[in-house]
Amino acid sequence: MMVEYYTNAPGPFCQKAEDGDYLAHLNTPNVARDMDLIRNLTGFVTIDYFGNDYGAIIGAAYAALFPNHVGRFVFGGTLS
């Protein structure tokens, strides 16, 4: 089964199967930029957002990068 392969594989699976150059672009500011791209493509002027744990950090990064596009934001908690 696929799940058994992932859990029984020696070492982290992503080190063997993922492209390190691609993974270097997976970060909070880029996720926030992707959110703004989605907002723009859907035609909204502002977005409303609820973020919990890491989602709260993404929301805060979005608000810092795009303050003119922030509607109602709720943060349920943050990582410590």
PDB file of N, CA and C in Angstrom:
ATOM      1  N   MET A   1       0.827  -1.172   0.000  1.00  0.00           N
ATOM      2  CA  MET A   1       0.000   0.000   0.000  1.00  0.00           C
ATOM      3  C   MET A   1       0.881   1.249   0.000  1.00  0.00           C
ATOM      4  N   MET A   2       0.348   2.320  -0.522  1.00  0.00           N
ATOM      5  CA  MET A   2       1.102   3.565  -0.628  1.00  0.00           C
ATOM      6  C   MET A   2       1.452   4.125   0.747  1.00  0.00           C
ATOM      7  N   VAL A   3       0.540   4.078   1.695  1.00  0.00           N
ATOM      8  CA  VAL A   3       0.786   4.624   3.034  1.00  0.00           C
ATOM      9  C   VAL A   3       1.914   3.862   3.704  1.00  0.00           C
ATOM     10  N   GLU A   4       1.931   2.558   3.559  1.00  0.00           N
ATOM     11  CA  GLU A   4       2.996   1.756   4.165  1.00  0.00           C
ATOM     12  C   GLU A   4       4.350   2.119   3.576  1.00  0.00           C
ATOM     13  N   TYR A   5       4.382   2.403   2.284  1.00  0.00           N
ATOM     14  CA  TYR A   5       5.645   2.788   1.664  1.00  0.00           C
ATOM     15  C   TYR A   5       6.194   4.059   2.294  1.00  0.00           C
ATOM     16  N   TYR A   6       5.341   5.049   2.474  1.00  0.00           N
ATOM     17  CA  TYR A   6       5.793   6.303   3.054  1.00  0.00           C
ATOM     18  C   TYR A   6       6.245   6.119   4.499  1.00  0.00           C
ATOM     19  N   THR A   7       5.508   5.364   5.284  1.00  0.00           N
ATOM     20  CA  THR A   7       5.838   5.226   6.696  1.00  0.00           C
ATOM     21  C   THR A   7       6.973   4.258   6.946  1.00  0.00           C
ATOM     22  N   ASN A   8       7.197   3.318   6.045  1.00  0.00           N
ATOM     23  CA  ASN A   8       8.251   2.333   6.258  1.00  0.00           C
ATOM     24  C   ASN A   8       9.542   2.669   5.522  1.00  0.00           C
ATOM     25  N   ALA A   9       9.540   3.707   4.725  1.00  0.00           N
ATOM     26  CA  ALA A   9      10.739   4.067   3.977  1.00  0.00           C
ATOM     27  C   ALA A   9      11.807   4.597   4.934  1.00  0.00           C
ATOM     28  N   PRO A  10      13.056   4.182   4.746  1.00  0.00           N
ATOM     29  CA  PRO A  10      14.114   4.702   5.618  1.00  0.00           C
ATOM     30  C   PRO A  10      14.403   6.167   5.311  1.00  0.00           C
ATOM     31  N   GLY A  11      14.436   7.002   6.332  1.00  0.00           N
ATOM     32  CA  GLY A  11      14.732   8.424   6.163  1.00  0.00           C
ATOM     33  C   GLY A  11      13.544   9.193   5.629  1.00  0.00           C
ATOM     34  N   PRO A  12      13.648  10.510   5.638  1.00  0.00           N
ATOM     35  CA  PRO A  12      12.553  11.346   5.140  1.00  0.00           C
ATOM     36  C   PRO A  12      12.304  11.108   3.654  1.00  0.00           C
ATOM     37  N   PHE A  13      11.058  10.869   3.318  1.00  0.00           N
ATOM     38  CA  PHE A  13      10.692  10.585   1.937  1.00  0.00           C
ATOM     39  C   PHE A  13      11.018  11.761   1.020  1.00  0.00           C
ATOM     40  N   CYS A  14      10.816  12.979   1.504  1.00  0.00           N
ATOM     41  CA  CYS A  14      10.987  14.139   0.630  1.00  0.00           C
ATOM     42  C   CYS A  14      12.436  14.336   0.197  1.00  0.00           C
ATOM     43  N   GLN A  15      13.398  13.847   0.954  1.00  0.00           N
ATOM     44  CA  GLN A  15      14.793  13.995   0.555  1.00  0.00           C
ATOM     45  C   GLN A  15      15.098  13.182  -0.692  1.00  0.00           C
ATOM     46  N   LYS A  16      14.353  12.110  -0.893  1.00  0.00           N
ATOM     47  CA  LYS A  16      14.611  11.238  -2.033  1.00  0.00           C
ATOM     48  C   LYS A  16      13.743  11.579  -3.239  1.00  0.00           C
ATOM     49  N   ALA A  17      12.544  12.079  -3.008  1.00  0.00           N
ATOM     50  CA  ALA A  17      11.581  12.202  -4.095  1.00  0.00           C
ATOM     51  C   ALA A  17      11.303  13.637  -4.526  1.00  0.00           C
ATOM     52  N   GLU A  18      11.629  14.621  -3.733  1.00  0.00           N
ATOM     53  CA  GLU A  18      11.278  15.998  -4.072  1.00  0.00           C
ATOM     54  C   GLU A  18      12.487  16.767  -4.592  1.00  0.00           C
ATOM     55  N   ASP A  19      12.208  17.765  -5.380  1.00  0.00           N
ATOM     56  CA  ASP A  19      13.233  18.633  -5.940  1.00  0.00           C
ATOM     57  C   ASP A  19      13.570  19.723  -4.934  1.00  0.00           C
ATOM     58  N   GLY A  20      14.804  19.783  -4.488  1.00  0.00           N
ATOM     59  CA  GLY A  20      15.230  20.766  -3.499  1.00  0.00           C
ATOM     60  C   GLY A  20      15.075  22.206  -3.966  1.00  0.00           C
ATOM     61  N   ASP A  21      15.257  22.446  -5.268  1.00  0.00           N
ATOM     62  CA  ASP A  21      15.074  23.798  -5.797  1.00  0.00           C
ATOM     63  C   ASP A  21      13.623  24.239  -5.681  1.00  0.00           C
ATOM     64  N   TYR A  22      12.699  23.313  -5.892  1.00  0.00           N
ATOM     65  CA  TYR A  22      11.274  23.619  -5.744  1.00  0.00           C
ATOM     66  C   TYR A  22      10.927  23.856  -4.279  1.00  0.00           C
ATOM     67  N   LEU A  23      11.421  23.019  -3.403  1.00  0.00           N
ATOM     68  CA  LEU A  23      11.110  23.140  -1.982  1.00  0.00           C
ATOM     69  C   LEU A  23      11.639  24.443  -1.389  1.00  0.00           C
ATOM     70  N   ALA A  24      12.698  24.990  -1.973  1.00  0.00           N
ATOM     71  CA  ALA A  24      13.254  26.249  -1.473  1.00  0.00           C
ATOM     72  C   ALA A  24      12.278  27.410  -1.641  1.00  0.00           C
ATOM     73  N   HIS A  25      11.298  27.266  -2.527  1.00  0.00           N
ATOM     74  CA  HIS A  25      10.326  28.336  -2.768  1.00  0.00           C
ATOM     75  C   HIS A  25       9.055  28.175  -1.944  1.00  0.00           C
ATOM     76  N   LEU A  26       8.968  27.130  -1.156  1.00  0.00           N
ATOM     77  CA  LEU A  26       7.804  26.926  -0.294  1.00  0.00           C
ATOM     78  C   LEU A  26       8.082  27.593   1.041  1.00  0.00           C
ATOM     79  N   ASN A  27       7.619  28.831   1.173  1.00  0.00           N
ATOM     80  CA  ASN A  27       7.834  29.584   2.398  1.00  0.00           C
ATOM     81  C   ASN A  27       6.636  30.505   2.627  1.00  0.00           C
ATOM     82  N   THR A  28       6.571  31.081   3.788  1.00  0.00           N
ATOM     83  CA  THR A  28       5.412  31.887   4.181  1.00  0.00           C
ATOM     84  C   THR A  28       5.164  33.086   3.267  1.00  0.00           C
ATOM     85  N   PRO A  29       6.176  33.891   2.930  1.00  0.00           N
ATOM     86  CA  PRO A  29       5.893  35.020   2.033  1.00  0.00           C
ATOM     87  C   PRO A  29       5.353  34.576   0.663  1.00  0.00           C
ATOM     88  N   ASN A  30       5.856  33.471   0.133  1.00  0.00           N
ATOM     89  CA  ASN A  30       5.357  33.000  -1.155  1.00  0.00           C
ATOM     90  C   ASN A  30       3.940  32.466  -1.050  1.00  0.00           C
ATOM     91  N   VAL A  31       3.581  31.852   0.060  1.00  0.00           N
ATOM     92  CA  VAL A  31       2.199  31.413   0.269  1.00  0.00           C
ATOM     93  C   VAL A  31       1.280  32.629   0.319  1.00  0.00           C
ATOM     94  N   ALA A  32       1.707  33.691   0.994  1.00  0.00           N
ATOM     95  CA  ALA A  32       0.914  34.916   1.055  1.00  0.00           C
ATOM     96  C   ALA A  32       0.759  35.530  -0.339  1.00  0.00           C
ATOM     97  N   ARG A  33       1.810  35.497  -1.128  1.00  0.00           N
ATOM     98  CA  ARG A  33       1.720  36.012  -2.499  1.00  0.00           C
ATOM     99  C   ARG A  33       0.761  35.172  -3.336  1.00  0.00           C
ATOM    100  N   ASP A  34       0.782  33.861  -3.130  1.00  0.00           N
ATOM    101  CA  ASP A  34      -0.167  32.985  -3.827  1.00  0.00           C
ATOM    102  C   ASP A  34      -1.600  33.320  -3.435  1.00  0.00           C
ATOM    103  N   MET A  35      -1.826  33.610  -2.151  1.00  0.00           N
ATOM    104  CA  MET A  35      -3.162  34.011  -1.703  1.00  0.00           C
ATOM    105  C   MET A  35      -3.608  35.283  -2.424  1.00  0.00           C
ATOM    106  N   ASP A  36      -2.702  36.233  -2.593  1.00  0.00           N
ATOM    107  CA  ASP A  36      -3.084  37.463  -3.267  1.00  0.00           C
ATOM    108  C   ASP A  36      -3.342  37.222  -4.745  1.00  0.00           C
ATOM    109  N   LEU A  37      -2.610  36.312  -5.349  1.00  0.00           N
ATOM    110  CA  LEU A  37      -2.866  35.955  -6.739  1.00  0.00           C
ATOM    111  C   LEU A  37      -4.267  35.362  -6.889  1.00  0.00           C
ATOM    112  N   ILE A  38      -4.642  34.477  -5.973  1.00  0.00           N
ATOM    113  CA  ILE A  38      -5.986  33.887  -5.999  1.00  0.00           C
ATOM    114  C   ILE A  38      -7.038  34.980  -5.805  1.00  0.00           C
ATOM    115  N   ARG A  39      -6.800  35.893  -4.866  1.00  0.00           N
ATOM    116  CA  ARG A  39      -7.724  37.009  -4.653  1.00  0.00           C
ATOM    117  C   ARG A  39      -7.904  37.815  -5.934  1.00  0.00           C
ATOM    118  N   ASN A  40      -6.802  38.102  -6.587  1.00  0.00           N
ATOM    119  CA  ASN A  40      -6.836  38.891  -7.809  1.00  0.00           C
ATOM    120  C   ASN A  40      -7.565  38.143  -8.925  1.00  0.00           C
ATOM    121  N   LEU A  41      -7.275  36.861  -9.107  1.00  0.00           N
ATOM    122  CA  LEU A  41      -7.890  36.083 -10.178  1.00  0.00           C
ATOM    123  C   LEU A  41      -9.389  35.883  -9.976  1.00  0.00           C
ATOM    124  N   THR A  42      -9.834  35.866  -8.735  1.00  0.00           N
ATOM    125  CA  THR A  42     -11.257  35.698  -8.456  1.00  0.00           C
ATOM    126  C   THR A  42     -12.010  37.018  -8.477  1.00  0.00           C
ATOM    127  N   GLY A  43     -11.295  38.142  -8.590  1.00  0.00           N
ATOM    128  CA  GLY A  43     -11.924  39.436  -8.740  1.00  0.00           C
ATOM    129  C   GLY A  43     -12.295  40.143  -7.451  1.00  0.00           C
ATOM    130  N   PHE A  44     -11.869  39.629  -6.320  1.00  0.00           N
ATOM    131  CA  PHE A  44     -12.165  40.288  -5.051  1.00  0.00           C
ATOM    132  C   PHE A  44     -11.190  41.436  -4.807  1.00  0.00           C
ATOM    133  N   VAL A  45     -11.700  42.504  -4.205  1.00  0.00           N
ATOM    134  CA  VAL A  45     -10.837  43.637  -3.838  1.00  0.00           C
ATOM    135  C   VAL A  45     -10.150  43.332  -2.515  1.00  0.00           C
ATOM    136  N   THR A  46     -10.908  42.773  -1.559  1.00  0.00           N
ATOM    137  CA  THR A  46     -10.343  42.365  -0.266  1.00  0.00           C
ATOM    138  C   THR A  46     -10.740  40.923   0.001  1.00  0.00           C
ATOM    139  N   ILE A  47     -10.048  40.302   0.944  1.00  0.00           N
ATOM    140  CA  ILE A  47     -10.420  38.948   1.346  1.00  0.00           C
ATOM    141  C   ILE A  47     -10.663  38.921   2.850  1.00  0.00           C
ATOM    142  N   ASP A  48     -11.538  38.023   3.264  1.00  0.00           N
ATOM    143  CA  ASP A  48     -11.747  37.720   4.674  1.00  0.00           C
ATOM    144  C   ASP A  48     -11.047  36.399   4.937  1.00  0.00           C
ATOM    145  N   TYR A  49     -10.470  36.253   6.126  1.00  0.00           N
ATOM    146  CA  TYR A  49      -9.591  35.111   6.359  1.00  0.00           C
ATOM    147  C   TYR A  49      -9.673  34.673   7.813  1.00  0.00           C
ATOM    148  N   PHE A  50      -9.694  33.366   8.022  1.00  0.00           N
ATOM    149  CA  PHE A  50      -9.562  32.790   9.357  1.00  0.00           C
ATOM    150  C   PHE A  50      -8.347  31.889   9.344  1.00  0.00           C
ATOM    151  N   GLY A  51      -7.396  32.135  10.236  1.00  0.00           N
ATOM    152  CA  GLY A  51      -6.191  31.333  10.298  1.00  0.00           C
ATOM    153  C   GLY A  51      -5.942  30.825  11.700  1.00  0.00           C
ATOM    154  N   ASN A  52      -5.586  29.572  11.787  1.00  0.00           N
ATOM    155  CA  ASN A  52      -5.271  28.949  13.071  1.00  0.00           C
ATOM    156  C   ASN A  52      -3.884  28.321  12.975  1.00  0.00           C
ATOM    157  N   ASP A  53      -3.096  28.417  14.018  1.00  0.00           N
ATOM    158  CA  ASP A  53      -1.724  27.904  14.066  1.00  0.00           C
ATOM    159  C   ASP A  53      -0.897  28.523  12.934  1.00  0.00           C
ATOM    160  N   TYR A  54      -0.372  27.709  12.024  1.00  0.00           N
ATOM    161  CA  TYR A  54       0.441  28.258  10.931  1.00  0.00           C
ATOM    162  C   TYR A  54      -0.384  29.169  10.026  1.00  0.00           C
ATOM    163  N   GLY A  55      -1.684  28.909   9.924  1.00  0.00           N
ATOM    164  CA  GLY A  55      -2.554  29.772   9.144  1.00  0.00           C
ATOM    165  C   GLY A  55      -2.583  31.200   9.670  1.00  0.00           C
ATOM    166  N   ALA A  56      -2.432  31.364  10.981  1.00  0.00           N
ATOM    167  CA  ALA A  56      -2.375  32.703  11.562  1.00  0.00           C
ATOM    168  C   ALA A  56      -1.099  33.424  11.116  1.00  0.00           C
ATOM    169  N   ILE A  57      -0.027  32.699  11.006  1.00  0.00           N
ATOM    170  CA  ILE A  57       1.235  33.292  10.553  1.00  0.00           C
ATOM    171  C   ILE A  57       1.131  33.677   9.085  1.00  0.00           C
ATOM    172  N   ILE A  58       0.495  32.820   8.281  1.00  0.00           N
ATOM    173  CA  ILE A  58       0.288  33.143   6.872  1.00  0.00           C
ATOM    174  C   ILE A  58      -0.583  34.394   6.747  1.00  0.00           C
ATOM    175  N   GLY A  59      -1.651  34.459   7.541  1.00  0.00           N
ATOM    176  CA  GLY A  59      -2.529  35.629   7.507  1.00  0.00           C
ATOM    177  C   GLY A  59      -1.818  36.906   7.909  1.00  0.00           C
ATOM    178  N   ALA A  60      -0.980  36.825   8.921  1.00  0.00           N
ATOM    179  CA  ALA A  60      -0.219  38.001   9.349  1.00  0.00           C
ATOM    180  C   ALA A  60       0.769  38.429   8.264  1.00  0.00           C
ATOM    181  N   ALA A  61       1.386  37.468   7.603  1.00  0.00           N
ATOM    182  CA  ALA A  61       2.305  37.802   6.509  1.00  0.00           C
ATOM    183  C   ALA A  61       1.543  38.437   5.357  1.00  0.00           C
ATOM    184  N   TYR A  62       0.353  37.909   5.059  1.00  0.00           N
ATOM    185  CA  TYR A  62      -0.464  38.489   3.995  1.00  0.00           C
ATOM    186  C   TYR A  62      -0.831  39.938   4.332  1.00  0.00           C
ATOM    187  N   ALA A  63      -1.270  40.157   5.564  1.00  0.00           N
ATOM    188  CA  ALA A  63      -1.664  41.507   5.985  1.00  0.00           C
ATOM    189  C   ALA A  63      -0.482  42.471   5.926  1.00  0.00           C
ATOM    190  N   ALA A  64       0.712  41.993   6.233  1.00  0.00           N
ATOM    191  CA  ALA A  64       1.894  42.854   6.176  1.00  0.00           C
ATOM    192  C   ALA A  64       2.285  43.171   4.734  1.00  0.00           C
ATOM    193  N   LEU A  65       2.132  42.195   3.837  1.00  0.00           N
ATOM    194  CA  LEU A  65       2.517  42.401   2.445  1.00  0.00           C
ATOM    195  C   LEU A  65       1.462  43.157   1.639  1.00  0.00           C
ATOM    196  N   PHE A  66       0.175  42.937   1.965  1.00  0.00           N
ATOM    197  CA  PHE A  66      -0.914  43.498   1.165  1.00  0.00           C
ATOM    198  C   PHE A  66      -1.969  44.153   2.061  1.00  0.00           C
ATOM    199  N   PRO A  67      -1.619  45.206   2.775  1.00  0.00           N
ATOM    200  CA  PRO A  67      -2.566  45.802   3.728  1.00  0.00           C
ATOM    201  C   PRO A  67      -3.826  46.373   3.078  1.00  0.00           C
ATOM    202  N   ASN A  68      -3.763  46.755   1.824  1.00  0.00           N
ATOM    203  CA  ASN A  68      -4.928  47.322   1.144  1.00  0.00           C
ATOM    204  C   ASN A  68      -5.938  46.265   0.709  1.00  0.00           C
ATOM    205  N   HIS A  69      -5.591  44.993   0.825  1.00  0.00           N
ATOM    206  CA  HIS A  69      -6.471  43.916   0.388  1.00  0.00           C
ATOM    207  C   HIS A  69      -7.037  43.118   1.554  1.00  0.00           C
ATOM    208  N   VAL A  70      -6.857  43.614   2.771  1.00  0.00           N
ATOM    209  CA  VAL A  70      -7.297  42.906   3.975  1.00  0.00           C
ATOM    210  C   VAL A  70      -8.724  43.306   4.313  1.00  0.00           C
ATOM    211  N   GLY A  71      -9.575  42.298   4.457  1.00  0.00           N
ATOM    212  CA  GLY A  71     -10.937  42.528   4.933  1.00  0.00           C
ATOM    213  C   GLY A  71     -10.980  42.214   6.422  1.00  0.00           C
ATOM    214  N   ARG A  72     -11.778  41.229   6.769  1.00  0.00           N
ATOM    215  CA  ARG A  72     -11.855  40.786   8.180  1.00  0.00           C
ATOM    216  C   ARG A  72     -10.913  39.601   8.345  1.00  0.00           C
ATOM    217  N   PHE A  73      -9.991  39.729   9.255  1.00  0.00           N
ATOM    218  CA  PHE A  73      -9.051  38.650   9.539  1.00  0.00           C
ATOM    219  C   PHE A  73      -9.229  38.191  10.977  1.00  0.00           C
ATOM    220  N   VAL A  74      -9.282  36.897  11.191  1.00  0.00           N
ATOM    221  CA  VAL A  74      -9.378  36.314  12.525  1.00  0.00           C
ATOM    222  C   VAL A  74      -8.242  35.317  12.660  1.00  0.00           C
ATOM    223  N   PHE A  75      -7.491  35.458  13.747  1.00  0.00           N
ATOM    224  CA  PHE A  75      -6.403  34.528  14.017  1.00  0.00           C
ATOM    225  C   PHE A  75      -6.768  33.726  15.260  1.00  0.00           C
ATOM    226  N   GLY A  76      -6.875  32.410  15.103  1.00  0.00           N
ATOM    227  CA  GLY A  76      -7.298  31.555  16.190  1.00  0.00           C
ATOM    228  C   GLY A  76      -6.162  31.138  17.117  1.00  0.00           C
ATOM    229  N   GLY A  77      -4.961  31.352  16.737  1.00  0.00           N
ATOM    230  CA  GLY A  77      -3.821  30.986  17.572  1.00  0.00           C
ATOM    231  C   GLY A  77      -2.550  31.090  16.767  1.00  0.00           C
ATOM    232  N   THR A  78      -1.435  31.038  17.427  1.00  0.00           N
ATOM    233  CA  THR A  78      -0.156  31.128  16.733  1.00  0.00           C
ATOM    234  C   THR A  78       0.746  30.000  17.192  1.00  0.00           C
ATOM    235  N   LEU A  79       1.748  29.724  16.397  1.00  0.00           N
ATOM    236  CA  LEU A  79       2.760  28.749  16.790  1.00  0.00           C
ATOM    237  C   LEU A  79       3.677  29.362  17.827  1.00  0.00           C
ATOM    238  N   SER A  80       4.158  28.561  18.740  1.00  0.00           N
ATOM    239  CA  SER A  80       5.090  29.113  19.713  1.00  0.00           C
ATOM    240  C   SER A  80       6.456  28.495  19.570  1.00  0.00           C
TER     241      SER A  80
END
